[in-house]
């Protein structure tokens, strides 16, 4: 079984993108090259600001969905470790 990760990327416009992957570095470079998420094709990814480890894809996807329901304020709190 592979470890999976939920991550957030801050774009240059300040917005946040949330995704999941089994290889954060590879996925970062895919986003930087304009491959993958349409959201990031229209915005310039600036930095990975949050990474959370999960035991499998299912758990990572559940957490990704949960985070995507958060407000921007809640996401920012998660980034600084308050949630």
PDB file of N, CA and C in Angstrom:
ATOM      1  N   UNK A   1       0.831  -1.194   0.000  1.00  0.00           N
ATOM      2  CA  UNK A   1       0.000   0.000   0.000  1.00  0.00           C
ATOM      3  C   UNK A   1       0.870   1.249   0.000  1.00  0.00           C
ATOM      4  N   UNK A   2       0.472   2.207  -0.810  1.00  0.00           N
ATOM      5  CA  UNK A   2       1.191   3.474  -0.877  1.00  0.00           C
ATOM      6  C   UNK A   2       0.572   4.491   0.065  1.00  0.00           C
ATOM      7  N   UNK A   3       1.416   5.322   0.599  1.00  0.00           N
ATOM      8  CA  UNK A   3       0.938   6.454   1.381  1.00  0.00           C
ATOM      9  C   UNK A   3       0.396   7.509   0.419  1.00  0.00           C
ATOM     10  N   UNK A   4      -0.686   8.144   0.806  1.00  0.00           N
ATOM     11  CA  UNK A   4      -1.282   9.223   0.022  1.00  0.00           C
ATOM     12  C   UNK A   4      -1.236  10.515   0.824  1.00  0.00           C
ATOM     13  N   UNK A   5      -1.325  11.624   0.113  1.00  0.00           N
ATOM     14  CA  UNK A   5      -1.218  12.942   0.727  1.00  0.00           C
ATOM     15  C   UNK A   5      -2.332  13.850   0.235  1.00  0.00           C
ATOM     16  N   UNK A   6      -2.794  14.707   1.125  1.00  0.00           N
ATOM     17  CA  UNK A   6      -3.667  15.822   0.763  1.00  0.00           C
ATOM     18  C   UNK A   6      -2.781  17.064   0.853  1.00  0.00           C
ATOM     19  N   UNK A   7      -2.885  17.923  -0.132  1.00  0.00           N
ATOM     20  CA  UNK A   7      -2.022  19.103  -0.166  1.00  0.00           C
ATOM     21  C   UNK A   7      -2.816  20.331  -0.581  1.00  0.00           C
ATOM     22  N   UNK A   8      -2.284  21.485  -0.218  1.00  0.00           N
ATOM     23  CA  UNK A   8      -2.848  22.757  -0.674  1.00  0.00           C
ATOM     24  C   UNK A   8      -1.739  23.563  -1.332  1.00  0.00           C
ATOM     25  N   UNK A   9      -2.093  24.188  -2.420  1.00  0.00           N
ATOM     26  CA  UNK A   9      -1.178  25.073  -3.147  1.00  0.00           C
ATOM     27  C   UNK A   9      -1.756  26.478  -3.116  1.00  0.00           C
ATOM     28  N   UNK A  10      -0.900  27.436  -2.757  1.00  0.00           N
ATOM     29  CA  UNK A  10      -1.304  28.840  -2.831  1.00  0.00           C
ATOM     30  C   UNK A  10      -0.890  29.370  -4.204  1.00  0.00           C
ATOM     31  N   UNK A  11      -1.829  30.042  -4.842  1.00  0.00           N
ATOM     32  CA  UNK A  11      -1.560  30.649  -6.145  1.00  0.00           C
ATOM     33  C   UNK A  11      -1.093  32.089  -5.953  1.00  0.00           C
ATOM     34  N   UNK A  12      -0.529  32.665  -6.993  1.00  0.00           N
ATOM     35  CA  UNK A  12      -0.016  34.033  -6.884  1.00  0.00           C
ATOM     36  C   UNK A  12      -1.121  35.040  -6.587  1.00  0.00           C
ATOM     37  N   UNK A  13      -2.378  34.692  -6.917  1.00  0.00           N
ATOM     38  CA  UNK A  13      -3.492  35.607  -6.614  1.00  0.00           C
ATOM     39  C   UNK A  13      -4.027  35.410  -5.198  1.00  0.00           C
ATOM     40  N   UNK A  14      -3.399  34.509  -4.414  1.00  0.00           N
ATOM     41  CA  UNK A  14      -3.800  34.283  -3.030  1.00  0.00           C
ATOM     42  C   UNK A  14      -4.802  33.160  -2.836  1.00  0.00           C
ATOM     43  N   UNK A  15      -5.357  32.647  -3.916  1.00  0.00           N
ATOM     44  CA  UNK A  15      -6.326  31.557  -3.785  1.00  0.00           C
ATOM     45  C   UNK A  15      -5.619  30.260  -3.416  1.00  0.00           C
ATOM     46  N   UNK A  16      -6.405  29.294  -2.939  1.00  0.00           N
ATOM     47  CA  UNK A  16      -5.865  28.008  -2.506  1.00  0.00           C
ATOM     48  C   UNK A  16      -6.486  26.881  -3.320  1.00  0.00           C
ATOM     49  N   UNK A  17      -5.657  25.948  -3.742  1.00  0.00           N
ATOM     50  CA  UNK A  17      -6.108  24.746  -4.442  1.00  0.00           C
ATOM     51  C   UNK A  17      -5.823  23.553  -3.542  1.00  0.00           C
ATOM     52  N   UNK A  18      -6.783  22.642  -3.416  1.00  0.00           N
ATOM     53  CA  UNK A  18      -6.619  21.437  -2.604  1.00  0.00           C
ATOM     54  C   UNK A  18      -6.670  20.219  -3.510  1.00  0.00           C
ATOM     55  N   UNK A  19      -5.737  19.304  -3.301  1.00  0.00           N
ATOM     56  CA  UNK A  19      -5.709  18.081  -4.090  1.00  0.00           C
ATOM     57  C   UNK A  19      -5.146  16.928  -3.291  1.00  0.00           C
ATOM     58  N   UNK A  20      -5.108  15.746  -3.912  1.00  0.00           N
ATOM     59  CA  UNK A  20      -4.511  14.577  -3.269  1.00  0.00           C
ATOM     60  C   UNK A  20      -3.664  13.829  -4.291  1.00  0.00           C
ATOM     61  N   UNK A  21      -2.635  13.167  -3.791  1.00  0.00           N
ATOM     62  CA  UNK A  21      -1.697  12.451  -4.653  1.00  0.00           C
ATOM     63  C   UNK A  21      -0.899  11.462  -3.819  1.00  0.00           C
ATOM     64  N   UNK A  22      -0.205  10.561  -4.511  1.00  0.00           N
ATOM     65  CA  UNK A  22       0.699   9.667  -3.796  1.00  0.00           C
ATOM     66  C   UNK A  22       2.150  10.123  -3.941  1.00  0.00           C
ATOM     67  N   UNK A  23       2.353  11.266  -4.638  1.00  0.00           N
ATOM     68  CA  UNK A  23       3.702  11.800  -4.832  1.00  0.00           C
ATOM     69  C   UNK A  23       3.620  13.324  -4.982  1.00  0.00           C
ATOM     70  N   UNK A  24       3.792  14.026  -3.889  1.00  0.00           N
ATOM     71  CA  UNK A  24       3.575  15.482  -3.860  1.00  0.00           C
ATOM     72  C   UNK A  24       4.533  16.225  -4.785  1.00  0.00           C
ATOM     73  N   UNK A  25       5.790  15.877  -4.805  1.00  0.00           N
ATOM     74  CA  UNK A  25       6.769  16.600  -5.625  1.00  0.00           C
ATOM     75  C   UNK A  25       6.449  16.449  -7.109  1.00  0.00           C
ATOM     76  N   UNK A  26       6.175  15.218  -7.544  1.00  0.00           N
ATOM     77  CA  UNK A  26       5.815  15.003  -8.950  1.00  0.00           C
ATOM     78  C   UNK A  26       4.585  15.818  -9.318  1.00  0.00           C
ATOM     79  N   UNK A  27       3.581  15.795  -8.425  1.00  0.00           N
ATOM     80  CA  UNK A  27       2.339  16.513  -8.710  1.00  0.00           C
ATOM     81  C   UNK A  27       2.563  18.018  -8.764  1.00  0.00           C
ATOM     82  N   UNK A  28       3.440  18.544  -7.914  1.00  0.00           N
ATOM     83  CA  UNK A  28       3.772  19.970  -7.929  1.00  0.00           C
ATOM     84  C   UNK A  28       4.324  20.367  -9.299  1.00  0.00           C
ATOM     85  N   UNK A  29       5.264  19.575  -9.797  1.00  0.00           N
ATOM     86  CA  UNK A  29       5.845  19.907 -11.100  1.00  0.00           C
ATOM     87  C   UNK A  29       4.827  19.773 -12.228  1.00  0.00           C
ATOM     88  N   UNK A  30       3.908  18.828 -12.107  1.00  0.00           N
ATOM     89  CA  UNK A  30       2.848  18.730 -13.112  1.00  0.00           C
ATOM     90  C   UNK A  30       1.997  19.994 -13.099  1.00  0.00           C
ATOM     91  N   UNK A  31       1.641  20.469 -11.924  1.00  0.00           N
ATOM     92  CA  UNK A  31       0.858  21.707 -11.824  1.00  0.00           C
ATOM     93  C   UNK A  31       1.641  22.888 -12.391  1.00  0.00           C
ATOM     94  N   UNK A  32       2.923  22.981 -12.062  1.00  0.00           N
ATOM     95  CA  UNK A  32       3.745  24.093 -12.559  1.00  0.00           C
ATOM     96  C   UNK A  32       3.841  24.084 -14.085  1.00  0.00           C
ATOM     97  N   UNK A  33       3.780  22.884 -14.684  1.00  0.00           N
ATOM     98  CA  UNK A  33       3.854  22.756 -16.146  1.00  0.00           C
ATOM     99  C   UNK A  33       2.496  22.950 -16.817  1.00  0.00           C
ATOM    100  N   UNK A  34       1.454  23.220 -16.024  1.00  0.00           N
ATOM    101  CA  UNK A  34       0.130  23.431 -16.583  1.00  0.00           C
ATOM    102  C   UNK A  34      -0.615  22.145 -16.892  1.00  0.00           C
ATOM    103  N   UNK A  35      -0.153  21.034 -16.340  1.00  0.00           N
ATOM    104  CA  UNK A  35      -0.812  19.743 -16.556  1.00  0.00           C
ATOM    105  C   UNK A  35      -1.662  19.417 -15.340  1.00  0.00           C
ATOM    106  N   UNK A  36      -2.781  18.779 -15.574  1.00  0.00           N
ATOM    107  CA  UNK A  36      -3.613  18.359 -14.448  1.00  0.00           C
ATOM    108  C   UNK A  36      -4.791  19.275 -14.224  1.00  0.00           C
ATOM    109  N   UNK A  37      -4.920  19.765 -13.028  1.00  0.00           N
ATOM    110  CA  UNK A  37      -6.107  20.509 -12.591  1.00  0.00           C
ATOM    111  C   UNK A  37      -6.349  21.767 -13.432  1.00  0.00           C
ATOM    112  N   UNK A  38      -7.568  21.878 -13.943  1.00  0.00           N
ATOM    113  CA  UNK A  38      -7.936  23.052 -14.732  1.00  0.00           C
ATOM    114  C   UNK A  38      -7.845  24.330 -13.907  1.00  0.00           C
ATOM    115  N   UNK A  39      -8.165  24.218 -12.618  1.00  0.00           N
ATOM    116  CA  UNK A  39      -8.096  25.382 -11.735  1.00  0.00           C
ATOM    117  C   UNK A  39      -6.711  26.016 -11.778  1.00  0.00           C
ATOM    118  N   UNK A  40      -5.682  25.190 -11.755  1.00  0.00           N
ATOM    119  CA  UNK A  40      -4.314  25.711 -11.738  1.00  0.00           C
ATOM    120  C   UNK A  40      -3.797  26.058 -13.132  1.00  0.00           C
ATOM    121  N   UNK A  41      -4.475  25.599 -14.152  1.00  0.00           N
ATOM    122  CA  UNK A  41      -4.083  25.992 -15.508  1.00  0.00           C
ATOM    123  C   UNK A  41      -4.417  27.465 -15.742  1.00  0.00           C
ATOM    124  N   UNK A  42      -5.427  27.939 -15.024  1.00  0.00           N
ATOM    125  CA  UNK A  42      -5.866  29.331 -15.171  1.00  0.00           C
ATOM    126  C   UNK A  42      -5.212  30.264 -14.153  1.00  0.00           C
ATOM    127  N   UNK A  43      -4.456  29.696 -13.217  1.00  0.00           N
ATOM    128  CA  UNK A  43      -3.791  30.486 -12.174  1.00  0.00           C
ATOM    129  C   UNK A  43      -2.352  30.027 -12.057  1.00  0.00           C
ATOM    130  N   UNK A  44      -1.525  30.880 -11.505  1.00  0.00           N
ATOM    131  CA  UNK A  44      -0.109  30.541 -11.374  1.00  0.00           C
ATOM    132  C   UNK A  44       0.169  29.970  -9.985  1.00  0.00           C
ATOM    133  N   UNK A  45       0.467  28.652  -9.880  1.00  0.00           N
ATOM    134  CA  UNK A  45       0.781  28.091  -8.563  1.00  0.00           C
ATOM    135  C   UNK A  45       2.071  28.683  -8.012  1.00  0.00           C
ATOM    136  N   UNK A  46       2.017  29.101  -6.753  1.00  0.00           N
ATOM    137  CA  UNK A  46       3.154  29.768  -6.119  1.00  0.00           C
ATOM    138  C   UNK A  46       3.930  28.832  -5.201  1.00  0.00           C
ATOM    139  N   UNK A  47       3.217  28.107  -4.314  1.00  0.00           N
ATOM    140  CA  UNK A  47       3.900  27.257  -3.334  1.00  0.00           C
ATOM    141  C   UNK A  47       2.955  26.222  -2.748  1.00  0.00           C
ATOM    142  N   UNK A  48       3.500  25.084  -2.386  1.00  0.00           N
ATOM    143  CA  UNK A  48       2.763  24.098  -1.597  1.00  0.00           C
ATOM    144  C   UNK A  48       2.808  24.600  -0.157  1.00  0.00           C
ATOM    145  N   UNK A  49       1.637  24.817   0.438  1.00  0.00           N
ATOM    146  CA  UNK A  49       1.588  25.409   1.773  1.00  0.00           C
ATOM    147  C   UNK A  49       1.062  24.451   2.845  1.00  0.00           C
ATOM    148  N   UNK A  50       0.613  23.272   2.420  1.00  0.00           N
ATOM    149  CA  UNK A  50       0.059  22.308   3.368  1.00  0.00           C
ATOM    150  C   UNK A  50       0.177  20.912   2.791  1.00  0.00           C
ATOM    151  N   UNK A  51       0.641  19.964   3.608  1.00  0.00           N
ATOM    152  CA  UNK A  51       0.692  18.554   3.220  1.00  0.00           C
ATOM    153  C   UNK A  51       0.286  17.733   4.436  1.00  0.00           C
ATOM    154  N   UNK A  52      -0.610  16.789   4.203  1.00  0.00           N
ATOM    155  CA  UNK A  52      -1.098  15.917   5.270  1.00  0.00           C
ATOM    156  C   UNK A  52      -1.056  14.474   4.758  1.00  0.00           C
ATOM    157  N   UNK A  53      -0.475  13.582   5.515  1.00  0.00           N
ATOM    158  CA  UNK A  53      -0.295  12.183   5.109  1.00  0.00           C
ATOM    159  C   UNK A  53      -1.508  11.337   5.495  1.00  0.00           C
ATOM    160  N   UNK A  54      -1.854  10.388   4.601  1.00  0.00           N
ATOM    161  CA  UNK A  54      -2.961   9.461   4.848  1.00  0.00           C
ATOM    162  C   UNK A  54      -2.551   8.052   4.429  1.00  0.00           C
ATOM    163  N   UNK A  55      -3.135   7.027   5.067  1.00  0.00           N
ATOM    164  CA  UNK A  55      -2.702   5.658   4.819  1.00  0.00           C
ATOM    165  C   UNK A  55      -3.079   5.093   3.447  1.00  0.00           C
ATOM    166  N   UNK A  56      -4.112   5.664   2.820  1.00  0.00           N
ATOM    167  CA  UNK A  56      -4.538   5.144   1.518  1.00  0.00           C
ATOM    168  C   UNK A  56      -5.304   6.211   0.738  1.00  0.00           C
ATOM    169  N   UNK A  57      -5.587   5.886  -0.516  1.00  0.00           N
ATOM    170  CA  UNK A  57      -6.248   6.842  -1.401  1.00  0.00           C
ATOM    171  C   UNK A  57      -7.638   7.221  -0.894  1.00  0.00           C
ATOM    172  N   UNK A  58      -8.364   6.241  -0.398  1.00  0.00           N
ATOM    173  CA  UNK A  58      -9.715   6.489   0.083  1.00  0.00           C
ATOM    174  C   UNK A  58      -9.736   7.539   1.193  1.00  0.00           C
ATOM    175  N   UNK A  59      -8.868   7.377   2.171  1.00  0.00           N
ATOM    176  CA  UNK A  59      -8.809   8.342   3.286  1.00  0.00           C
ATOM    177  C   UNK A  59      -8.380   9.724   2.796  1.00  0.00           C
ATOM    178  N   UNK A  60      -7.433   9.759   1.871  1.00  0.00           N
ATOM    179  CA  UNK A  60      -6.967  11.038   1.328  1.00  0.00           C
ATOM    180  C   UNK A  60      -8.091  11.748   0.574  1.00  0.00           C
ATOM    181  N   UNK A  61      -8.842  10.997  -0.208  1.00  0.00           N
ATOM    182  CA  UNK A  61      -9.941  11.602  -0.967  1.00  0.00           C
ATOM    183  C   UNK A  61     -11.046  12.123  -0.054  1.00  0.00           C
ATOM    184  N   UNK A  62     -11.326  11.392   1.021  1.00  0.00           N
ATOM    185  CA  UNK A  62     -12.328  11.856   1.984  1.00  0.00           C
ATOM    186  C   UNK A  62     -11.884  13.166   2.632  1.00  0.00           C
ATOM    187  N   UNK A  63     -10.606  13.228   3.003  1.00  0.00           N
ATOM    188  CA  UNK A  63     -10.080  14.440   3.641  1.00  0.00           C
ATOM    189  C   UNK A  63     -10.028  15.599   2.645  1.00  0.00           C
ATOM    190  N   UNK A  64      -9.649  15.308   1.407  1.00  0.00           N
ATOM    191  CA  UNK A  64      -9.627  16.346   0.373  1.00  0.00           C
ATOM    192  C   UNK A  64     -11.018  16.954   0.222  1.00  0.00           C
ATOM    193  N   UNK A  65     -12.035  16.109   0.156  1.00  0.00           N
ATOM    194  CA  UNK A  65     -13.410  16.594   0.038  1.00  0.00           C
ATOM    195  C   UNK A  65     -13.779  17.455   1.243  1.00  0.00           C
ATOM    196  N   UNK A  66     -13.419  16.987   2.426  1.00  0.00           N
ATOM    197  CA  UNK A  66     -13.720  17.729   3.653  1.00  0.00           C
ATOM    198  C   UNK A  66     -13.087  19.117   3.617  1.00  0.00           C
ATOM    199  N   UNK A  67     -11.817  19.181   3.255  1.00  0.00           N
ATOM    200  CA  UNK A  67     -11.113  20.469   3.205  1.00  0.00           C
ATOM    201  C   UNK A  67     -11.720  21.381   2.147  1.00  0.00           C
ATOM    202  N   UNK A  68     -12.125  20.815   1.021  1.00  0.00           N
ATOM    203  CA  UNK A  68     -12.717  21.635  -0.041  1.00  0.00           C
ATOM    204  C   UNK A  68     -14.028  22.290   0.402  1.00  0.00           C
ATOM    205  N   UNK A  69     -14.659  21.748   1.440  1.00  0.00           N
ATOM    206  CA  UNK A  69     -15.888  22.341   1.967  1.00  0.00           C
ATOM    207  C   UNK A  69     -15.606  23.484   2.938  1.00  0.00           C
ATOM    208  N   UNK A  70     -14.358  23.623   3.391  1.00  0.00           N
ATOM    209  CA  UNK A  70     -13.976  24.667   4.337  1.00  0.00           C
ATOM    210  C   UNK A  70     -14.043  26.041   3.679  1.00  0.00           C
ATOM    211  N   UNK A  71     -14.259  27.038   4.498  1.00  0.00           N
ATOM    212  CA  UNK A  71     -14.146  28.421   4.035  1.00  0.00           C
ATOM    213  C   UNK A  71     -12.655  28.747   3.871  1.00  0.00           C
ATOM    214  N   UNK A  72     -12.378  29.862   3.230  1.00  0.00           N
ATOM    215  CA  UNK A  72     -10.974  30.267   3.069  1.00  0.00           C
ATOM    216  C   UNK A  72     -10.330  30.487   4.436  1.00  0.00           C
ATOM    217  N   UNK A  73     -11.074  31.058   5.370  1.00  0.00           N
ATOM    218  CA  UNK A  73     -10.554  31.289   6.724  1.00  0.00           C
ATOM    219  C   UNK A  73     -10.207  29.971   7.405  1.00  0.00           C
ATOM    220  N   UNK A  74     -11.066  28.978   7.256  1.00  0.00           N
ATOM    221  CA  UNK A  74     -10.797  27.663   7.847  1.00  0.00           C
ATOM    222  C   UNK A  74      -9.577  27.002   7.209  1.00  0.00           C
ATOM    223  N   UNK A  75      -9.435  27.165   5.895  1.00  0.00           N
ATOM    224  CA  UNK A  75      -8.262  26.613   5.212  1.00  0.00           C
ATOM    225  C   UNK A  75      -6.987  27.294   5.707  1.00  0.00           C
ATOM    226  N   UNK A  76      -7.038  28.606   5.866  1.00  0.00           N
ATOM    227  CA  UNK A  76      -5.868  29.333   6.374  1.00  0.00           C
ATOM    228  C   UNK A  76      -5.516  28.874   7.784  1.00  0.00           C
ATOM    229  N   UNK A  77      -6.526  28.622   8.619  1.00  0.00           N
ATOM    230  CA  UNK A  77      -6.288  28.117   9.971  1.00  0.00           C
ATOM    231  C   UNK A  77      -5.652  26.739   9.935  1.00  0.00           C
ATOM    232  N   UNK A  78      -6.091  25.912   9.020  1.00  0.00           N
ATOM    233  CA  UNK A  78      -5.504  24.576   8.876  1.00  0.00           C
ATOM    234  C   UNK A  78      -4.039  24.684   8.480  1.00  0.00           C
ATOM    235  N   UNK A  79      -3.728  25.600   7.606  1.00  0.00           N
ATOM    236  CA  UNK A  79      -2.356  25.808   7.144  1.00  0.00           C
ATOM    237  C   UNK A  79      -1.445  26.205   8.311  1.00  0.00           C
ATOM    238  N   UNK A  80      -1.949  27.068   9.178  1.00  0.00           N
ATOM    239  CA  UNK A  80      -1.096  27.499  10.301  1.00  0.00           C
ATOM    240  C   UNK A  80      -1.179  26.534  11.488  1.00  0.00           C
ATOM    241  N   UNK A  81      -1.988  25.487  11.352  1.00  0.00           N
ATOM    242  CA  UNK A  81      -2.015  24.446  12.373  1.00  0.00           C
ATOM    243  C   UNK A  81      -3.090  24.576  13.420  1.00  0.00           C
ATOM    244  N   UNK A  82      -4.067  25.448  13.199  1.00  0.00           N
ATOM    245  CA  UNK A  82      -5.106  25.658  14.204  1.00  0.00           C
ATOM    246  C   UNK A  82      -6.222  24.621  14.136  1.00  0.00           C
ATOM    247  N   UNK A  83      -6.353  23.893  13.008  1.00  0.00           N
ATOM    248  CA  UNK A  83      -7.424  22.888  12.894  1.00  0.00           C
ATOM    249  C   UNK A  83      -6.839  21.493  12.855  1.00  0.00           C
TER     250      UNK A  83
END
